[in-house]
Amino acid sequence: MVVVARVCGQPGCACHRGGKKHPAMYLTGKEQGRTVALYVPRKMEAEARVWAEHYKQLKQLLRKISDVQRQILRLREE
């Protein structure tokens, strides 16, 4: 997940004249070896933050499982 500042689509907005840009959230990930970004609508940002946190937790659990599997394999080699 990444938050960037961008110029909006309304020509009269101050962001077009050097004013403060608007924050926009994107979910990022890899597809076929390339990084892709998917825009998250403002009303879904809180939910997307929860998804990103759950994803981090899942990755940690998978690392722990892999570590245990390696330990089991090492014990069986002995």
PDB file of N, CA and C in Angstrom:
ATOM      1  N   MET A   1       0.855  -1.164   0.000  1.00  0.00           N
ATOM      2  CA  MET A   1       0.000   0.000   0.000  1.00  0.00           C
ATOM      3  C   MET A   1       0.904   1.230   0.000  1.00  0.00           C
ATOM      4  N   VAL A   2       0.498   2.210  -0.763  1.00  0.00           N
ATOM      5  CA  VAL A   2       1.261   3.447  -0.853  1.00  0.00           C
ATOM      6  C   VAL A   2       0.288   4.619  -0.952  1.00  0.00           C
ATOM      7  N   VAL A   3       0.654   5.731  -0.340  1.00  0.00           N
ATOM      8  CA  VAL A   3      -0.137   6.958  -0.437  1.00  0.00           C
ATOM      9  C   VAL A   3       0.727   7.993  -1.159  1.00  0.00           C
ATOM     10  N   VAL A   4       0.162   8.572  -2.212  1.00  0.00           N
ATOM     11  CA  VAL A   4       0.879   9.576  -2.999  1.00  0.00           C
ATOM     12  C   VAL A   4       0.072  10.866  -3.040  1.00  0.00           C
ATOM     13  N   ALA A   5       0.750  11.972  -3.327  1.00  0.00           N
ATOM     14  CA  ALA A   5       0.069  13.257  -3.509  1.00  0.00           C
ATOM     15  C   ALA A   5      -0.089  13.473  -5.006  1.00  0.00           C
ATOM     16  N   ARG A   6      -1.296  13.853  -5.416  1.00  0.00           N
ATOM     17  CA  ARG A   6      -1.535  14.030  -6.848  1.00  0.00           C
ATOM     18  C   ARG A   6      -2.436  15.231  -7.107  1.00  0.00           C
ATOM     19  N   VAL A   7      -2.420  15.670  -8.355  1.00  0.00           N
ATOM     20  CA  VAL A   7      -3.285  16.754  -8.821  1.00  0.00           C
ATOM     21  C   VAL A   7      -4.623  16.130  -9.188  1.00  0.00           C
ATOM     22  N   CYS A   8      -5.715  16.770  -8.790  1.00  0.00           N
ATOM     23  CA  CYS A   8      -7.046  16.218  -9.065  1.00  0.00           C
ATOM     24  C   CYS A   8      -7.508  16.556 -10.484  1.00  0.00           C
ATOM     25  N   GLY A   9      -8.698  16.135 -10.828  1.00  0.00           N
ATOM     26  CA  GLY A   9      -9.237  16.353 -12.167  1.00  0.00           C
ATOM     27  C   GLY A   9     -10.056  17.621 -12.325  1.00  0.00           C
ATOM     28  N   GLN A  10     -10.117  18.457 -11.285  1.00  0.00           N
ATOM     29  CA  GLN A  10     -10.903  19.692 -11.374  1.00  0.00           C
ATOM     30  C   GLN A  10      -9.982  20.858 -11.708  1.00  0.00           C
ATOM     31  N   PRO A  11     -10.090  21.410 -12.917  1.00  0.00           N
ATOM     32  CA  PRO A  11      -9.172  22.450 -13.381  1.00  0.00           C
ATOM     33  C   PRO A  11      -9.088  23.682 -12.474  1.00  0.00           C
ATOM     34  N   GLY A  12     -10.162  24.029 -11.785  1.00  0.00           N
ATOM     35  CA  GLY A  12     -10.156  25.224 -10.947  1.00  0.00           C
ATOM     36  C   GLY A  12      -9.561  25.019  -9.560  1.00  0.00           C
ATOM     37  N   CYS A  13      -9.164  23.820  -9.235  1.00  0.00           N
ATOM     38  CA  CYS A  13      -8.649  23.506  -7.894  1.00  0.00           C
ATOM     39  C   CYS A  13      -7.259  24.112  -7.697  1.00  0.00           C
ATOM     40  N   ALA A  14      -6.974  24.495  -6.464  1.00  0.00           N
ATOM     41  CA  ALA A  14      -5.677  25.103  -6.127  1.00  0.00           C
ATOM     42  C   ALA A  14      -4.505  24.166  -6.396  1.00  0.00           C
ATOM     43  N   CYS A  15      -4.749  22.861  -6.385  1.00  0.00           N
ATOM     44  CA  CYS A  15      -3.651  21.915  -6.616  1.00  0.00           C
ATOM     45  C   CYS A  15      -3.047  22.075  -8.017  1.00  0.00           C
ATOM     46  N   HIS A  16      -3.786  22.634  -8.951  1.00  0.00           N
ATOM     47  CA  HIS A  16      -3.283  22.862 -10.306  1.00  0.00           C
ATOM     48  C   HIS A  16      -2.387  24.103 -10.368  1.00  0.00           C
ATOM     49  N   ARG A  17      -2.489  24.969  -9.394  1.00  0.00           N
ATOM     50  CA  ARG A  17      -1.708  26.206  -9.389  1.00  0.00           C
ATOM     51  C   ARG A  17      -0.581  26.148  -8.360  1.00  0.00           C
ATOM     52  N   GLY A  18      -0.139  24.956  -8.042  1.00  0.00           N
ATOM     53  CA  GLY A  18       0.976  24.818  -7.109  1.00  0.00           C
ATOM     54  C   GLY A  18       0.547  24.685  -5.660  1.00  0.00           C
ATOM     55  N   GLY A  19      -0.752  24.598  -5.405  1.00  0.00           N
ATOM     56  CA  GLY A  19      -1.237  24.415  -4.043  1.00  0.00           C
ATOM     57  C   GLY A  19      -1.030  22.990  -3.560  1.00  0.00           C
ATOM     58  N   LYS A  20      -1.509  22.722  -2.369  1.00  0.00           N
ATOM     59  CA  LYS A  20      -1.356  21.398  -1.780  1.00  0.00           C
ATOM     60  C   LYS A  20      -2.070  20.349  -2.632  1.00  0.00           C
ATOM     61  N   LYS A  21      -1.355  19.261  -2.937  1.00  0.00           N
ATOM     62  CA  LYS A  21      -1.940  18.183  -3.725  1.00  0.00           C
ATOM     63  C   LYS A  21      -2.782  17.274  -2.829  1.00  0.00           C
ATOM     64  N   HIS A  22      -3.604  16.474  -3.458  1.00  0.00           N
ATOM     65  CA  HIS A  22      -4.526  15.591  -2.744  1.00  0.00           C
ATOM     66  C   HIS A  22      -3.899  14.216  -2.524  1.00  0.00           C
ATOM     67  N   PRO A  23      -4.066  13.630  -1.333  1.00  0.00           N
ATOM     68  CA  PRO A  23      -3.535  12.281  -1.115  1.00  0.00           C
ATOM     69  C   PRO A  23      -4.406  11.243  -1.820  1.00  0.00           C
ATOM     70  N   ALA A  24      -3.765  10.224  -2.364  1.00  0.00           N
ATOM     71  CA  ALA A  24      -4.473   9.118  -3.009  1.00  0.00           C
ATOM     72  C   ALA A  24      -3.789   7.819  -2.594  1.00  0.00           C
ATOM     73  N   MET A  25      -4.585   6.808  -2.261  1.00  0.00           N
ATOM     74  CA  MET A  25      -4.048   5.528  -1.822  1.00  0.00           C
ATOM     75  C   MET A  25      -4.110   4.511  -2.956  1.00  0.00           C
ATOM     76  N   TYR A  26      -3.045   3.700  -3.034  1.00  0.00           N
ATOM     77  CA  TYR A  26      -2.976   2.621  -4.004  1.00  0.00           C
ATOM     78  C   TYR A  26      -2.513   1.351  -3.301  1.00  0.00           C
ATOM     79  N   LEU A  27      -3.088   0.231  -3.678  1.00  0.00           N
ATOM     80  CA  LEU A  27      -2.571  -1.074  -3.253  1.00  0.00           C
ATOM     81  C   LEU A  27      -1.600  -1.514  -4.332  1.00  0.00           C
ATOM     82  N   THR A  28      -0.434  -1.971  -3.930  1.00  0.00           N
ATOM     83  CA  THR A  28       0.566  -2.397  -4.893  1.00  0.00           C
ATOM     84  C   THR A  28       0.842  -3.882  -4.720  1.00  0.00           C
ATOM     85  N   GLY A  29       1.274  -4.491  -5.802  1.00  0.00           N
ATOM     86  CA  GLY A  29       1.621  -5.906  -5.766  1.00  0.00           C
ATOM     87  C   GLY A  29       2.294  -6.300  -7.063  1.00  0.00           C
ATOM     88  N   LYS A  30       2.714  -7.536  -7.126  1.00  0.00           N
ATOM     89  CA  LYS A  30       3.404  -8.044  -8.309  1.00  0.00           C
ATOM     90  C   LYS A  30       2.451  -8.882  -9.150  1.00  0.00           C
ATOM     91  N   GLU A  31       2.493  -8.669 -10.444  1.00  0.00           N
ATOM     92  CA  GLU A  31       1.773  -9.480 -11.417  1.00  0.00           C
ATOM     93  C   GLU A  31       2.725  -9.763 -12.561  1.00  0.00           C
ATOM     94  N   GLN A  32       2.995 -11.030 -12.792  1.00  0.00           N
ATOM     95  CA  GLN A  32       3.915 -11.446 -13.847  1.00  0.00           C
ATOM     96  C   GLN A  32       5.254 -10.731 -13.740  1.00  0.00           C
ATOM     97  N   GLY A  33       5.739 -10.583 -12.508  1.00  0.00           N
ATOM     98  CA  GLY A  33       7.045  -9.984 -12.276  1.00  0.00           C
ATOM     99  C   GLY A  33       7.085  -8.465 -12.309  1.00  0.00           C
ATOM    100  N   ARG A  34       5.976  -7.822 -12.521  1.00  0.00           N
ATOM    101  CA  ARG A  34       5.934  -6.354 -12.577  1.00  0.00           C
ATOM    102  C   ARG A  34       5.097  -5.817 -11.429  1.00  0.00           C
ATOM    103  N   THR A  35       5.492  -4.665 -10.918  1.00  0.00           N
ATOM    104  CA  THR A  35       4.720  -4.017  -9.867  1.00  0.00           C
ATOM    105  C   THR A  35       3.534  -3.303 -10.493  1.00  0.00           C
ATOM    106  N   VAL A  36       2.368  -3.560  -9.946  1.00  0.00           N
ATOM    107  CA  VAL A  36       1.152  -2.894 -10.416  1.00  0.00           C
ATOM    108  C   VAL A  36       0.506  -2.176  -9.232  1.00  0.00           C
ATOM    109  N   ALA A  37      -0.198  -1.106  -9.520  1.00  0.00           N
ATOM    110  CA  ALA A  37      -0.869  -0.318  -8.480  1.00  0.00           C
ATOM    111  C   ALA A  37      -2.349  -0.221  -8.822  1.00  0.00           C
ATOM    112  N   LEU A  38      -3.180  -0.404  -7.797  1.00  0.00           N
ATOM    113  CA  LEU A  38      -4.620  -0.339  -7.958  1.00  0.00           C
ATOM    114  C   LEU A  38      -5.145   0.776  -7.061  1.00  0.00           C
ATOM    115  N   TYR A  39      -5.821   1.755  -7.648  1.00  0.00           N
ATOM    116  CA  TYR A  39      -6.366   2.887  -6.897  1.00  0.00           C
ATOM    117  C   TYR A  39      -7.412   2.412  -5.895  1.00  0.00           C
ATOM    118  N   VAL A  40      -7.346   2.948  -4.673  1.00  0.00           N
ATOM    119  CA  VAL A  40      -8.323   2.643  -3.630  1.00  0.00           C
ATOM    120  C   VAL A  40      -9.214   3.874  -3.448  1.00  0.00           C
ATOM    121  N   PRO A  41     -10.509   3.750  -3.718  1.00  0.00           N
ATOM    122  CA  PRO A  41     -11.400   4.890  -3.498  1.00  0.00           C
ATOM    123  C   PRO A  41     -11.359   5.337  -2.041  1.00  0.00           C
ATOM    124  N   ARG A  42     -11.489   6.626  -1.823  1.00  0.00           N
ATOM    125  CA  ARG A  42     -11.388   7.204  -0.478  1.00  0.00           C
ATOM    126  C   ARG A  42     -12.299   6.502   0.528  1.00  0.00           C
ATOM    127  N   LYS A  43     -13.514   6.148   0.111  1.00  0.00           N
ATOM    128  CA  LYS A  43     -14.455   5.524   1.045  1.00  0.00           C
ATOM    129  C   LYS A  43     -14.033   4.110   1.451  1.00  0.00           C
ATOM    130  N   MET A  44     -13.056   3.524   0.741  1.00  0.00           N
ATOM    131  CA  MET A  44     -12.585   2.176   1.061  1.00  0.00           C
ATOM    132  C   MET A  44     -11.194   2.150   1.697  1.00  0.00           C
ATOM    133  N   GLU A  45     -10.610   3.323   1.979  1.00  0.00           N
ATOM    134  CA  GLU A  45      -9.245   3.376   2.494  1.00  0.00           C
ATOM    135  C   GLU A  45      -9.089   2.649   3.827  1.00  0.00           C
ATOM    136  N   ALA A  46     -10.027   2.829   4.751  1.00  0.00           N
ATOM    137  CA  ALA A  46      -9.917   2.173   6.062  1.00  0.00           C
ATOM    138  C   ALA A  46      -9.946   0.653   5.894  1.00  0.00           C
ATOM    139  N   GLU A  47     -10.826   0.182   5.044  1.00  0.00           N
ATOM    140  CA  GLU A  47     -10.922  -1.257   4.797  1.00  0.00           C
ATOM    141  C   GLU A  47      -9.647  -1.788   4.144  1.00  0.00           C
ATOM    142  N   ALA A  48      -9.095  -1.028   3.215  1.00  0.00           N
ATOM    143  CA  ALA A  48      -7.861  -1.446   2.533  1.00  0.00           C
ATOM    144  C   ALA A  48      -6.692  -1.498   3.507  1.00  0.00           C
ATOM    145  N   ARG A  49      -6.653  -0.599   4.479  1.00  0.00           N
ATOM    146  CA  ARG A  49      -5.596  -0.644   5.501  1.00  0.00           C
ATOM    147  C   ARG A  49      -5.693  -1.933   6.315  1.00  0.00           C
ATOM    148  N   VAL A  50      -6.914  -2.351   6.629  1.00  0.00           N
ATOM    149  CA  VAL A  50      -7.115  -3.615   7.360  1.00  0.00           C
ATOM    150  C   VAL A  50      -6.644  -4.784   6.494  1.00  0.00           C
ATOM    151  N   TRP A  51      -7.004  -4.771   5.212  1.00  0.00           N
ATOM    152  CA  TRP A  51      -6.557  -5.839   4.307  1.00  0.00           C
ATOM    153  C   TRP A  51      -5.037  -5.924   4.282  1.00  0.00           C
ATOM    154  N   ALA A  52      -4.376  -4.768   4.191  1.00  0.00           N
ATOM    155  CA  ALA A  52      -2.912  -4.743   4.125  1.00  0.00           C
ATOM    156  C   ALA A  52      -2.305  -5.292   5.416  1.00  0.00           C
ATOM    157  N   GLU A  53      -2.882  -4.965   6.547  1.00  0.00           N
ATOM    158  CA  GLU A  53      -2.384  -5.478   7.824  1.00  0.00           C
ATOM    159  C   GLU A  53      -2.577  -6.991   7.909  1.00  0.00           C
ATOM    160  N   HIS A  54      -3.718  -7.478   7.467  1.00  0.00           N
ATOM    161  CA  HIS A  54      -3.962  -8.922   7.460  1.00  0.00           C
ATOM    162  C   HIS A  54      -2.970  -9.636   6.547  1.00  0.00           C
ATOM    163  N   TYR A  55      -2.656  -9.030   5.429  1.00  0.00           N
ATOM    164  CA  TYR A  55      -1.692  -9.607   4.501  1.00  0.00           C
ATOM    165  C   TYR A  55      -0.320  -9.716   5.158  1.00  0.00           C
ATOM    166  N   LYS A  56       0.094  -8.673   5.874  1.00  0.00           N
ATOM    167  CA  LYS A  56       1.378  -8.709   6.585  1.00  0.00           C
ATOM    168  C   LYS A  56       1.392  -9.832   7.614  1.00  0.00           C
ATOM    169  N   GLN A  57       0.303  -9.977   8.350  1.00  0.00           N
ATOM    170  CA  GLN A  57       0.215 -11.033   9.356  1.00  0.00           C
ATOM    171  C   GLN A  57       0.287 -12.413   8.700  1.00  0.00           C
ATOM    172  N   LEU A  58      -0.380 -12.582   7.576  1.00  0.00           N
ATOM    173  CA  LEU A  58      -0.348 -13.844   6.862  1.00  0.00           C
ATOM    174  C   LEU A  58       1.071 -14.184   6.418  1.00  0.00           C
ATOM    175  N   LYS A  59       1.784 -13.206   5.879  1.00  0.00           N
ATOM    176  CA  LYS A  59       3.164 -13.442   5.446  1.00  0.00           C
ATOM    177  C   LYS A  59       4.046 -13.863   6.622  1.00  0.00           C
ATOM    178  N   GLN A  60       3.850 -13.242   7.788  1.00  0.00           N
ATOM    179  CA  GLN A  60       4.622 -13.622   8.975  1.00  0.00           C
ATOM    180  C   GLN A  60       4.325 -15.064   9.365  1.00  0.00           C
ATOM    181  N   LEU A  61       3.062 -15.451   9.348  1.00  0.00           N
ATOM    182  CA  LEU A  61       2.685 -16.826   9.690  1.00  0.00           C
ATOM    183  C   LEU A  61       3.273 -17.827   8.694  1.00  0.00           C
ATOM    184  N   LEU A  62       3.263 -17.496   7.427  1.00  0.00           N
ATOM    185  CA  LEU A  62       3.840 -18.391   6.423  1.00  0.00           C
ATOM    186  C   LEU A  62       5.341 -18.553   6.626  1.00  0.00           C
ATOM    187  N   ARG A  63       6.021 -17.475   7.009  1.00  0.00           N
ATOM    188  CA  ARG A  63       7.457 -17.573   7.305  1.00  0.00           C
ATOM    189  C   ARG A  63       7.698 -18.512   8.478  1.00  0.00           C
ATOM    190  N   LYS A  64       6.869 -18.395   9.517  1.00  0.00           N
ATOM    191  CA  LYS A  64       7.009 -19.263  10.689  1.00  0.00           C
ATOM    192  C   LYS A  64       6.773 -20.725  10.320  1.00  0.00           C
ATOM    193  N   ILE A  65       5.761 -20.984   9.520  1.00  0.00           N
ATOM    194  CA  ILE A  65       5.486 -22.355   9.081  1.00  0.00           C
ATOM    195  C   ILE A  65       6.672 -22.899   8.291  1.00  0.00           C
ATOM    196  N   SER A  66       7.219 -22.103   7.397  1.00  0.00           N
ATOM    197  CA  SER A  66       8.371 -22.531   6.600  1.00  0.00           C
ATOM    198  C   SER A  66       9.572 -22.827   7.493  1.00  0.00           C
ATOM    199  N   ASP A  67       9.790 -22.008   8.513  1.00  0.00           N
ATOM    200  CA  ASP A  67      10.894 -22.246   9.455  1.00  0.00           C
ATOM    201  C   ASP A  67      10.729 -23.577  10.175  1.00  0.00           C
ATOM    202  N   VAL A  68       9.505 -23.866  10.620  1.00  0.00           N
ATOM    203  CA  VAL A  68       9.232 -25.136  11.310  1.00  0.00           C
ATOM    204  C   VAL A  68       9.463 -26.308  10.363  1.00  0.00           C
ATOM    205  N   GLN A  69       9.026 -26.180   9.127  1.00  0.00           N
ATOM    206  CA  GLN A  69       9.228 -27.256   8.154  1.00  0.00           C
ATOM    207  C   GLN A  69      10.718 -27.507   7.924  1.00  0.00           C
ATOM    208  N   ARG A  70      11.510 -26.468   7.837  1.00  0.00           N
ATOM    209  CA  ARG A  70      12.960 -26.620   7.655  1.00  0.00           C
ATOM    210  C   ARG A  70      13.578 -27.325   8.859  1.00  0.00           C
ATOM    211  N   GLN A  71      13.129 -26.949  10.061  1.00  0.00           N
ATOM    212  CA  GLN A  71      13.646 -27.591  11.269  1.00  0.00           C
ATOM    213  C   GLN A  71      13.314 -29.085  11.275  1.00  0.00           C
ATOM    214  N   ILE A  72      12.103 -29.425  10.874  1.00  0.00           N
ATOM    215  CA  ILE A  72      11.702 -30.832  10.821  1.00  0.00           C
ATOM    216  C   ILE A  72      12.581 -31.594   9.833  1.00  0.00           C
ATOM    217  N   LEU A  73      12.822 -31.017   8.683  1.00  0.00           N
ATOM    218  CA  LEU A  73      13.659 -31.670   7.678  1.00  0.00           C
ATOM    219  C   LEU A  73      15.088 -31.852   8.181  1.00  0.00           C
ATOM    220  N   ARG A  74      15.613 -30.866   8.857  1.00  0.00           N
ATOM    221  CA  ARG A  74      16.976 -30.981   9.403  1.00  0.00           C
ATOM    222  C   ARG A  74      17.060 -32.096  10.444  1.00  0.00           C
ATOM    223  N   LEU A  75      16.029 -32.215  11.276  1.00  0.00           N
ATOM    224  CA  LEU A  75      16.017 -33.256  12.313  1.00  0.00           C
ATOM    225  C   LEU A  75      15.970 -34.654  11.676  1.00  0.00           C
ATOM    226  N   ARG A  76      15.252 -34.789  10.601  1.00  0.00           N
ATOM    227  CA  ARG A  76      15.128 -36.089   9.939  1.00  0.00           C
ATOM    228  C   ARG A  76      16.393 -36.484   9.196  1.00  0.00           C
ATOM    229  N   GLU A  77      17.199 -35.490   8.841  1.00  0.00           N
ATOM    230  CA  GLU A  77      18.474 -35.792   8.148  1.00  0.00           C
ATOM    231  C   GLU A  77      19.489 -36.390   9.100  1.00  0.00           C
ATOM    232  N   GLU A  78      19.343 -36.086  10.378  1.00  0.00           N
ATOM    233  CA  GLU A  78      20.339 -36.521  11.361  1.00  0.00           C
ATOM    234  C   GLU A  78      20.207 -37.973  11.700  1.00  0.00           C
TER     235      GLU A  78
END
